Amino acid sequence: MLGLIISLIVIGLIAGAVARLVIPGKQNIGILMTIVLGIVGSFVGGFLGYLIFNHDASGGFFQPAGIIGSIIGAIIVLFIYTRFAGRGARTR
């Protein structure tokens, strides 16, 4: 159980950091939010993988994806976040 949590944090950190490097601009998020971004991106990547390939190894609907799926999911989540956060900041 502890190994799962540690691996989830490490994969989340890697995926979130790569997503922050790929998306241009400054994101005002810290290390904890980078980890959360990567973890959420992992689930988004797993969900998209399930939709595209219609096959999941464990038969579940939501599934943590591999590192590539996690990075792609984190990029998608960060892109959406920057679009909505940027829009809210401009209207004030």
PDB file of N, CA and C in Angstrom:
ATOM      1  N   MET A   1       0.819  -1.192   0.000  1.00  0.00           N
ATOM      2  CA  MET A   1       0.000   0.000   0.000  1.00  0.00           C
ATOM      3  C   MET A   1       0.865   1.260   0.000  1.00  0.00           C
ATOM      4  N   LEU A   2       1.903   1.256   0.834  1.00  0.00           N
ATOM      5  CA  LEU A   2       2.803   2.402   0.893  1.00  0.00           C
ATOM      6  C   LEU A   2       3.561   2.565  -0.422  1.00  0.00           C
ATOM      7  N   GLY A   3       3.926   1.438  -1.048  1.00  0.00           N
ATOM      8  CA  GLY A   3       4.608   1.488  -2.338  1.00  0.00           C
ATOM      9  C   GLY A   3       3.731   2.098  -3.419  1.00  0.00           C
ATOM     10  N   LEU A   4       2.442   1.802  -3.383  1.00  0.00           N
ATOM     11  CA  LEU A   4       1.495   2.372  -4.353  1.00  0.00           C
ATOM     12  C   LEU A   4       1.407   3.878  -4.180  1.00  0.00           C
ATOM     13  N   ILE A   5       1.333   4.339  -2.958  1.00  0.00           N
ATOM     14  CA  ILE A   5       1.230   5.772  -2.698  1.00  0.00           C
ATOM     15  C   ILE A   5       2.497   6.495  -3.132  1.00  0.00           C
ATOM     16  N   ILE A   6       3.643   5.915  -2.822  1.00  0.00           N
ATOM     17  CA  ILE A   6       4.910   6.542  -3.213  1.00  0.00           C
ATOM     18  C   ILE A   6       5.054   6.569  -4.728  1.00  0.00           C
ATOM     19  N   SER A   7       4.701   5.465  -5.400  1.00  0.00           N
ATOM     20  CA  SER A   7       4.804   5.448  -6.862  1.00  0.00           C
ATOM     21  C   SER A   7       3.820   6.413  -7.498  1.00  0.00           C
ATOM     22  N   LEU A   8       2.641   6.575  -6.906  1.00  0.00           N
ATOM     23  CA  LEU A   8       1.659   7.531  -7.423  1.00  0.00           C
ATOM     24  C   LEU A   8       2.187   8.954  -7.307  1.00  0.00           C
ATOM     25  N   ILE A   9       2.846   9.258  -6.192  1.00  0.00           N
ATOM     26  CA  ILE A   9       3.416  10.584  -5.995  1.00  0.00           C
ATOM     27  C   ILE A   9       4.567  10.837  -6.971  1.00  0.00           C
ATOM     28  N   VAL A  10       5.430   9.845  -7.161  1.00  0.00           N
ATOM     29  CA  VAL A  10       6.573  10.019  -8.060  1.00  0.00           C
ATOM     30  C   VAL A  10       6.101  10.181  -9.510  1.00  0.00           C
ATOM     31  N   ILE A  11       5.184   9.329  -9.947  1.00  0.00           N
ATOM     32  CA  ILE A  11       4.647   9.443 -11.312  1.00  0.00           C
ATOM     33  C   ILE A  11       3.918  10.767 -11.480  1.00  0.00           C
ATOM     34  N   GLY A  12       3.173  11.186 -10.459  1.00  0.00           N
ATOM     35  CA  GLY A  12       2.481  12.471 -10.509  1.00  0.00           C
ATOM     36  C   GLY A  12       3.444  13.632 -10.628  1.00  0.00           C
ATOM     37  N   LEU A  13       4.551  13.556  -9.894  1.00  0.00           N
ATOM     38  CA  LEU A  13       5.553  14.618  -9.958  1.00  0.00           C
ATOM     39  C   LEU A  13       6.207  14.670 -11.334  1.00  0.00           C
ATOM     40  N   ILE A  14       6.551  13.522 -11.876  1.00  0.00           N
ATOM     41  CA  ILE A  14       7.192  13.481 -13.198  1.00  0.00           C
ATOM     42  C   ILE A  14       6.238  13.985 -14.277  1.00  0.00           C
ATOM     43  N   ALA A  15       5.019  13.474 -14.283  1.00  0.00           N
ATOM     44  CA  ALA A  15       4.048  13.872 -15.308  1.00  0.00           C
ATOM     45  C   ALA A  15       3.691  15.349 -15.183  1.00  0.00           C
ATOM     46  N   GLY A  16       3.496  15.836 -13.966  1.00  0.00           N
ATOM     47  CA  GLY A  16       3.174  17.242 -13.760  1.00  0.00           C
ATOM     48  C   GLY A  16       4.315  18.158 -14.173  1.00  0.00           C
ATOM     49  N   ALA A  17       5.552  17.764 -13.855  1.00  0.00           N
ATOM     50  CA  ALA A  17       6.707  18.581 -14.221  1.00  0.00           C
ATOM     51  C   ALA A  17       6.889  18.644 -15.732  1.00  0.00           C
ATOM     52  N   VAL A  18       6.727  17.518 -16.407  1.00  0.00           N
ATOM     53  CA  VAL A  18       6.854  17.512 -17.870  1.00  0.00           C
ATOM     54  C   VAL A  18       5.743  18.347 -18.501  1.00  0.00           C
ATOM     55  N   ALA A  19       4.535  18.248 -17.968  1.00  0.00           N
ATOM     56  CA  ALA A  19       3.425  19.050 -18.499  1.00  0.00           C
ATOM     57  C   ALA A  19       3.701  20.535 -18.316  1.00  0.00           C
ATOM     58  N   ARG A  20       4.268  20.910 -17.168  1.00  0.00           N
ATOM     59  CA  ARG A  20       4.596  22.319 -16.934  1.00  0.00           C
ATOM     60  C   ARG A  20       5.696  22.796 -17.865  1.00  0.00           C
ATOM     61  N   LEU A  21       6.603  21.902 -18.256  1.00  0.00           N
ATOM     62  CA  LEU A  21       7.653  22.277 -19.198  1.00  0.00           C
ATOM     63  C   LEU A  21       7.121  22.422 -20.622  1.00  0.00           C
ATOM     64  N   VAL A  22       6.111  21.624 -20.973  1.00  0.00           N
ATOM     65  CA  VAL A  22       5.574  21.630 -22.338  1.00  0.00           C
ATOM     66  C   VAL A  22       4.648  22.820 -22.568  1.00  0.00           C
ATOM     67  N   ILE A  23       3.795  23.121 -21.600  1.00  0.00           N
ATOM     68  CA  ILE A  23       2.843  24.216 -21.753  1.00  0.00           C
ATOM     69  C   ILE A  23       3.583  25.535 -21.527  1.00  0.00           C
ATOM     70  N   PRO A  24       3.542  26.451 -22.519  1.00  0.00           N
ATOM     71  CA  PRO A  24       4.277  27.707 -22.361  1.00  0.00           C
ATOM     72  C   PRO A  24       3.613  28.633 -21.344  1.00  0.00           C
ATOM     73  N   GLY A  25       4.393  29.523 -20.815  1.00  0.00           N
ATOM     74  CA  GLY A  25       3.885  30.499 -19.861  1.00  0.00           C
ATOM     75  C   GLY A  25       4.208  30.098 -18.432  1.00  0.00           C
ATOM     76  N   LYS A  26       3.891  31.001 -17.525  1.00  0.00           N
ATOM     77  CA  LYS A  26       4.151  30.761 -16.107  1.00  0.00           C
ATOM     78  C   LYS A  26       2.882  30.256 -15.450  1.00  0.00           C
ATOM     79  N   GLN A  27       2.990  29.115 -14.801  1.00  0.00           N
ATOM     80  CA  GLN A  27       1.878  28.589 -14.032  1.00  0.00           C
ATOM     81  C   GLN A  27       2.174  28.856 -12.561  1.00  0.00           C
ATOM     82  N   ASN A  28       1.260  29.483 -11.890  1.00  0.00           N
ATOM     83  CA  ASN A  28       1.452  29.827 -10.481  1.00  0.00           C
ATOM     84  C   ASN A  28       0.993  28.677  -9.591  1.00  0.00           C
ATOM     85  N   ILE A  29       1.690  27.548  -9.682  1.00  0.00           N
ATOM     86  CA  ILE A  29       1.374  26.402  -8.842  1.00  0.00           C
ATOM     87  C   ILE A  29       2.672  25.892  -8.225  1.00  0.00           C
ATOM     88  N   GLY A  30       2.551  25.354  -7.037  1.00  0.00           N
ATOM     89  CA  GLY A  30       3.713  24.847  -6.320  1.00  0.00           C
ATOM     90  C   GLY A  30       3.949  23.370  -6.597  1.00  0.00           C
ATOM     91  N   ILE A  31       4.846  22.787  -5.818  1.00  0.00           N
ATOM     92  CA  ILE A  31       5.222  21.391  -6.007  1.00  0.00           C
ATOM     93  C   ILE A  31       4.053  20.451  -5.690  1.00  0.00           C
ATOM     94  N   LEU A  32       3.273  20.770  -4.658  1.00  0.00           N
ATOM     95  CA  LEU A  32       2.140  19.918  -4.304  1.00  0.00           C
ATOM     96  C   LEU A  32       1.089  19.912  -5.413  1.00  0.00           C
ATOM     97  N   MET A  33       0.820  21.080  -5.976  1.00  0.00           N
ATOM     98  CA  MET A  33      -0.150  21.146  -7.074  1.00  0.00           C
ATOM     99  C   MET A  33       0.402  20.506  -8.351  1.00  0.00           C
ATOM    100  N   THR A  34       1.717  20.504  -8.520  1.00  0.00           N
ATOM    101  CA  THR A  34       2.326  19.810  -9.650  1.00  0.00           C
ATOM    102  C   THR A  34       2.099  18.306  -9.520  1.00  0.00           C
ATOM    103  N   ILE A  35       2.243  17.787  -8.300  1.00  0.00           N
ATOM    104  CA  ILE A  35       1.986  16.364  -8.054  1.00  0.00           C
ATOM    105  C   ILE A  35       0.516  16.045  -8.293  1.00  0.00           C
ATOM    106  N   VAL A  36      -0.374  16.901  -7.788  1.00  0.00           N
ATOM    107  CA  VAL A  36      -1.824  16.687  -7.997  1.00  0.00           C
ATOM    108  C   VAL A  36      -2.152  16.753  -9.486  1.00  0.00           C
ATOM    109  N   LEU A  37      -1.538  17.690 -10.197  1.00  0.00           N
ATOM    110  CA  LEU A  37      -1.728  17.794 -11.645  1.00  0.00           C
ATOM    111  C   LEU A  37      -1.342  16.498 -12.343  1.00  0.00           C
ATOM    112  N   GLY A  38      -0.209  15.930 -11.960  1.00  0.00           N
ATOM    113  CA  GLY A  38       0.231  14.673 -12.559  1.00  0.00           C
ATOM    114  C   GLY A  38      -0.675  13.506 -12.224  1.00  0.00           C
ATOM    115  N   ILE A  39      -1.178  13.460 -10.993  1.00  0.00           N
ATOM    116  CA  ILE A  39      -2.080  12.375 -10.597  1.00  0.00           C
ATOM    117  C   ILE A  39      -3.404  12.486 -11.338  1.00  0.00           C
ATOM    118  N   VAL A  40      -3.955  13.694 -11.403  1.00  0.00           N
ATOM    119  CA  VAL A  40      -5.196  13.895 -12.158  1.00  0.00           C
ATOM    120  C   VAL A  40      -4.961  13.593 -13.639  1.00  0.00           C
ATOM    121  N   GLY A  41      -3.812  14.010 -14.157  1.00  0.00           N
ATOM    122  CA  GLY A  41      -3.462  13.710 -15.542  1.00  0.00           C
ATOM    123  C   GLY A  41      -3.348  12.221 -15.800  1.00  0.00           C
ATOM    124  N   SER A  42      -2.908  11.474 -14.802  1.00  0.00           N
ATOM    125  CA  SER A  42      -2.824  10.025 -14.929  1.00  0.00           C
ATOM    126  C   SER A  42      -4.206   9.405 -15.113  1.00  0.00           C
ATOM    127  N   PHE A  43      -5.155   9.884 -14.333  1.00  0.00           N
ATOM    128  CA  PHE A  43      -6.511   9.361 -14.476  1.00  0.00           C
ATOM    129  C   PHE A  43      -7.159   9.807 -15.786  1.00  0.00           C
ATOM    130  N   VAL A  44      -6.884  11.042 -16.206  1.00  0.00           N
ATOM    131  CA  VAL A  44      -7.401  11.515 -17.496  1.00  0.00           C
ATOM    132  C   VAL A  44      -6.795  10.707 -18.633  1.00  0.00           C
ATOM    133  N   GLY A  45      -5.488  10.447 -18.556  1.00  0.00           N
ATOM    134  CA  GLY A  45      -4.829   9.631 -19.582  1.00  0.00           C
ATOM    135  C   GLY A  45      -5.360   8.211 -19.615  1.00  0.00           C
ATOM    136  N   GLY A  46      -5.616   7.639 -18.448  1.00  0.00           N
ATOM    137  CA  GLY A  46      -6.193   6.300 -18.394  1.00  0.00           C
ATOM    138  C   GLY A  46      -7.602   6.264 -18.964  1.00  0.00           C
ATOM    139  N   PHE A  47      -8.386   7.299 -18.669  1.00  0.00           N
ATOM    140  CA  PHE A  47      -9.746   7.381 -19.195  1.00  0.00           C
ATOM    141  C   PHE A  47      -9.734   7.521 -20.715  1.00  0.00           C
ATOM    142  N   LEU A  48      -8.849   8.380 -21.237  1.00  0.00           N
ATOM    143  CA  LEU A  48      -8.758   8.548 -22.687  1.00  0.00           C
ATOM    144  C   LEU A  48      -8.249   7.282 -23.368  1.00  0.00           C
ATOM    145  N   GLY A  49      -7.302   6.604 -22.720  1.00  0.00           N
ATOM    146  CA  GLY A  49      -6.826   5.331 -23.256  1.00  0.00           C
ATOM    147  C   GLY A  49      -7.931   4.296 -23.318  1.00  0.00           C
ATOM    148  N   TYR A  50      -8.781   4.291 -22.305  1.00  0.00           N
ATOM    149  CA  TYR A  50      -9.919   3.375 -22.299  1.00  0.00           C
ATOM    150  C   TYR A  50     -10.897   3.723 -23.418  1.00  0.00           C
ATOM    151  N   LEU A  51     -11.155   5.024 -23.624  1.00  0.00           N
ATOM    152  CA  LEU A  51     -12.082   5.434 -24.682  1.00  0.00           C
ATOM    153  C   LEU A  51     -11.533   5.134 -26.070  1.00  0.00           C
ATOM    154  N   ILE A  52     -10.250   5.378 -26.265  1.00  0.00           N
ATOM    155  CA  ILE A  52      -9.654   5.195 -27.593  1.00  0.00           C
ATOM    156  C   ILE A  52      -9.505   3.713 -27.942  1.00  0.00           C
ATOM    157  N   PHE A  53      -8.948   2.941 -27.003  1.00  0.00           N
ATOM    158  CA  PHE A  53      -8.646   1.544 -27.292  1.00  0.00           C
ATOM    159  C   PHE A  53      -9.725   0.578 -26.832  1.00  0.00           C
ATOM    160  N   ASN A  54     -10.680   1.065 -26.036  1.00  0.00           N
ATOM    161  CA  ASN A  54     -11.804   0.274 -25.545  1.00  0.00           C
ATOM    162  C   ASN A  54     -11.332  -1.024 -24.884  1.00  0.00           C
ATOM    163  N   HIS A  55     -10.192  -0.950 -24.232  1.00  0.00           N
ATOM    164  CA  HIS A  55      -9.643  -2.106 -23.541  1.00  0.00           C
ATOM    165  C   HIS A  55      -8.862  -1.610 -22.335  1.00  0.00           C
ATOM    166  N   ASP A  56      -9.060  -2.267 -21.224  1.00  0.00           N
ATOM    167  CA  ASP A  56      -8.345  -1.895 -20.016  1.00  0.00           C
ATOM    168  C   ASP A  56      -7.815  -3.159 -19.366  1.00  0.00           C
ATOM    169  N   ALA A  57      -6.591  -3.116 -18.892  1.00  0.00           N
ATOM    170  CA  ALA A  57      -5.944  -4.311 -18.345  1.00  0.00           C
ATOM    171  C   ALA A  57      -6.709  -4.890 -17.163  1.00  0.00           C
ATOM    172  N   SER A  58      -7.202  -4.043 -16.287  1.00  0.00           N
ATOM    173  CA  SER A  58      -7.898  -4.563 -15.112  1.00  0.00           C
ATOM    174  C   SER A  58      -9.415  -4.501 -15.257  1.00  0.00           C
ATOM    175  N   GLY A  59      -9.919  -4.050 -16.370  1.00  0.00           N
ATOM    176  CA  GLY A  59     -11.349  -4.034 -16.625  1.00  0.00           C
ATOM    177  C   GLY A  59     -12.081  -2.890 -15.948  1.00  0.00           C
ATOM    178  N   GLY A  60     -11.375  -1.940 -15.359  1.00  0.00           N
ATOM    179  CA  GLY A  60     -12.005  -0.814 -14.681  1.00  0.00           C
ATOM    180  C   GLY A  60     -12.251   0.335 -15.639  1.00  0.00           C
ATOM    181  N   PHE A  61     -13.116   1.237 -15.225  1.00  0.00           N
ATOM    182  CA  PHE A  61     -13.435   2.391 -16.070  1.00  0.00           C
ATOM    183  C   PHE A  61     -12.380   3.469 -15.879  1.00  0.00           C
ATOM    184  N   PHE A  62     -12.102   3.857 -14.642  1.00  0.00           N
ATOM    185  CA  PHE A  62     -11.027   4.800 -14.357  1.00  0.00           C
ATOM    186  C   PHE A  62      -9.800   4.005 -13.959  1.00  0.00           C
ATOM    187  N   GLN A  63      -8.698   4.279 -14.605  1.00  0.00           N
ATOM    188  CA  GLN A  63      -7.473   3.515 -14.392  1.00  0.00           C
ATOM    189  C   GLN A  63      -6.265   4.432 -14.481  1.00  0.00           C
ATOM    190  N   PRO A  64      -5.383   4.375 -13.497  1.00  0.00           N
ATOM    191  CA  PRO A  64      -4.154   5.147 -13.656  1.00  0.00           C
ATOM    192  C   PRO A  64      -3.374   4.646 -14.875  1.00  0.00           C
ATOM    193  N   ALA A  65      -2.977   5.562 -15.721  1.00  0.00           N
ATOM    194  CA  ALA A  65      -2.306   5.187 -16.966  1.00  0.00           C
ATOM    195  C   ALA A  65      -0.814   5.016 -16.737  1.00  0.00           C
ATOM    196  N   GLY A  66      -0.117   4.602 -17.766  1.00  0.00           N
ATOM    197  CA  GLY A  66       1.331   4.546 -17.733  1.00  0.00           C
ATOM    198  C   GLY A  66       1.891   5.952 -17.774  1.00  0.00           C
ATOM    199  N   ILE A  67       3.184   6.065 -17.784  1.00  0.00           N
ATOM    200  CA  ILE A  67       3.820   7.380 -17.718  1.00  0.00           C
ATOM    201  C   ILE A  67       3.501   8.227 -18.945  1.00  0.00           C
ATOM    202  N   ILE A  68       3.409   7.628 -20.122  1.00  0.00           N
ATOM    203  CA  ILE A  68       3.081   8.400 -21.338  1.00  0.00           C
ATOM    204  C   ILE A  68       1.648   8.920 -21.255  1.00  0.00           C
ATOM    205  N   GLY A  69       0.727   8.064 -20.869  1.00  0.00           N
ATOM    206  CA  GLY A  69      -0.660   8.494 -20.708  1.00  0.00           C
ATOM    207  C   GLY A  69      -0.807   9.539 -19.624  1.00  0.00           C
ATOM    208  N   SER A  70      -0.019   9.408 -18.563  1.00  0.00           N
ATOM    209  CA  SER A  70      -0.049  10.391 -17.477  1.00  0.00           C
ATOM    210  C   SER A  70       0.424  11.755 -17.956  1.00  0.00           C
ATOM    211  N   ILE A  71       1.483  11.763 -18.745  1.00  0.00           N
ATOM    212  CA  ILE A  71       2.007  13.030 -19.258  1.00  0.00           C
ATOM    213  C   ILE A  71       1.013  13.674 -20.212  1.00  0.00           C
ATOM    214  N   ILE A  72       0.440  12.890 -21.101  1.00  0.00           N
ATOM    215  CA  ILE A  72      -0.553  13.429 -22.044  1.00  0.00           C
ATOM    216  C   ILE A  72      -1.765  13.960 -21.292  1.00  0.00           C
ATOM    217  N   GLY A  73      -2.234  13.215 -20.303  1.00  0.00           N
ATOM    218  CA  GLY A  73      -3.368  13.666 -19.500  1.00  0.00           C
ATOM    219  C   GLY A  73      -3.039  14.923 -18.719  1.00  0.00           C
ATOM    220  N   ALA A  74      -1.831  15.007 -18.161  1.00  0.00           N
ATOM    221  CA  ALA A  74      -1.430  16.196 -17.407  1.00  0.00           C
ATOM    222  C   ALA A  74      -1.323  17.412 -18.312  1.00  0.00           C
ATOM    223  N   ILE A  75      -0.850  17.217 -19.534  1.00  0.00           N
ATOM    224  CA  ILE A  75      -0.778  18.328 -20.489  1.00  0.00           C
ATOM    225  C   ILE A  75      -2.180  18.832 -20.806  1.00  0.00           C
ATOM    226  N   ILE A  76      -3.109  17.926 -21.003  1.00  0.00           N
ATOM    227  CA  ILE A  76      -4.497  18.314 -21.294  1.00  0.00           C
ATOM    228  C   ILE A  76      -5.100  19.079 -20.115  1.00  0.00           C
ATOM    229  N   VAL A  77      -4.912  18.545 -18.902  1.00  0.00           N
ATOM    230  CA  VAL A  77      -5.469  19.191 -17.707  1.00  0.00           C
ATOM    231  C   VAL A  77      -4.843  20.565 -17.502  1.00  0.00           C
ATOM    232  N   LEU A  78      -3.531  20.687 -17.657  1.00  0.00           N
ATOM    233  CA  LEU A  78      -2.868  21.975 -17.469  1.00  0.00           C
ATOM    234  C   LEU A  78      -3.277  22.968 -18.549  1.00  0.00           C
ATOM    235  N   PHE A  79      -3.452  22.506 -19.769  1.00  0.00           N
ATOM    236  CA  PHE A  79      -3.898  23.386 -20.850  1.00  0.00           C
ATOM    237  C   PHE A  79      -5.275  23.958 -20.522  1.00  0.00           C
ATOM    238  N   ILE A  80      -6.189  23.107 -20.089  1.00  0.00           N
ATOM    239  CA  ILE A  80      -7.530  23.564 -19.725  1.00  0.00           C
ATOM    240  C   ILE A  80      -7.466  24.507 -18.529  1.00  0.00           C
ATOM    241  N   TYR A  81      -6.631  24.172 -17.536  1.00  0.00           N
ATOM    242  CA  TYR A  81      -6.497  25.021 -16.351  1.00  0.00           C
ATOM    243  C   TYR A  81      -5.975  26.403 -16.715  1.00  0.00           C
ATOM    244  N   THR A  82      -4.955  26.468 -17.567  1.00  0.00           N
ATOM    245  CA  THR A  82      -4.401  27.774 -17.924  1.00  0.00           C
ATOM    246  C   THR A  82      -5.380  28.604 -18.739  1.00  0.00           C
ATOM    247  N   ARG A  83      -6.210  27.957 -19.524  1.00  0.00           N
ATOM    248  CA  ARG A  83      -7.203  28.705 -20.300  1.00  0.00           C
ATOM    249  C   ARG A  83      -8.272  29.291 -19.393  1.00  0.00           C
ATOM    250  N   PHE A  84      -8.761  28.520 -18.419  1.00  0.00           N
ATOM    251  CA  PHE A  84      -9.797  29.027 -17.523  1.00  0.00           C
ATOM    252  C   PHE A  84      -9.227  29.992 -16.496  1.00  0.00           C
ATOM    253  N   ALA A  85      -8.051  29.730 -15.973  1.00  0.00           N
ATOM    254  CA  ALA A  85      -7.439  30.628 -14.991  1.00  0.00           C
ATOM    255  C   ALA A  85      -7.050  31.940 -15.651  1.00  0.00           C
ATOM    256  N   GLY A  86      -6.571  31.888 -16.872  1.00  0.00           N
ATOM    257  CA  GLY A  86      -6.198  33.097 -17.593  1.00  0.00           C
ATOM    258  C   GLY A  86      -7.400  33.950 -17.922  1.00  0.00           C
ATOM    259  N   ARG A  87      -8.514  33.328 -18.235  1.00  0.00           N
ATOM    260  CA  ARG A  87      -9.730  34.049 -18.565  1.00  0.00           C
ATOM    261  C   ARG A  87     -10.285  34.759 -17.341  1.00  0.00           C
ATOM    262  N   GLY A  88     -10.249  34.094 -16.196  1.00  0.00           N
ATOM    263  CA  GLY A  88     -10.764  34.694 -14.969  1.00  0.00           C
ATOM    264  C   GLY A  88      -9.918  35.854 -14.506  1.00  0.00           C
ATOM    265  N   ALA A  89      -8.619  35.786 -14.735  1.00  0.00           N
ATOM    266  CA  ALA A  89      -7.736  36.863 -14.309  1.00  0.00           C
ATOM    267  C   ALA A  89      -7.914  38.109 -15.190  1.00  0.00           C
ATOM    268  N   ARG A  90      -8.253  37.916 -16.464  1.00  0.00           N
ATOM    269  CA  ARG A  90      -8.401  39.055 -17.367  1.00  0.00           C
ATOM    270  C   ARG A  90      -9.703  39.814 -17.142  1.00  0.00           C
ATOM    271  N   THR A  91     -10.740  39.148 -16.659  1.00  0.00           N
ATOM    272  CA  THR A  91     -12.032  39.811 -16.518  1.00  0.00           C
ATOM    273  C   THR A  91     -12.127  40.646 -15.262  1.00  0.00           C
ATOM    274  N   ARG A  92     -11.194  40.512 -14.341  1.00  0.00           N
ATOM    275  CA  ARG A  92     -11.269  41.263 -13.076  1.00  0.00           C
ATOM    276  C   ARG A  92     -10.723  42.630 -13.214  1.00  0.00           C
TER     277      ARG A  92
END
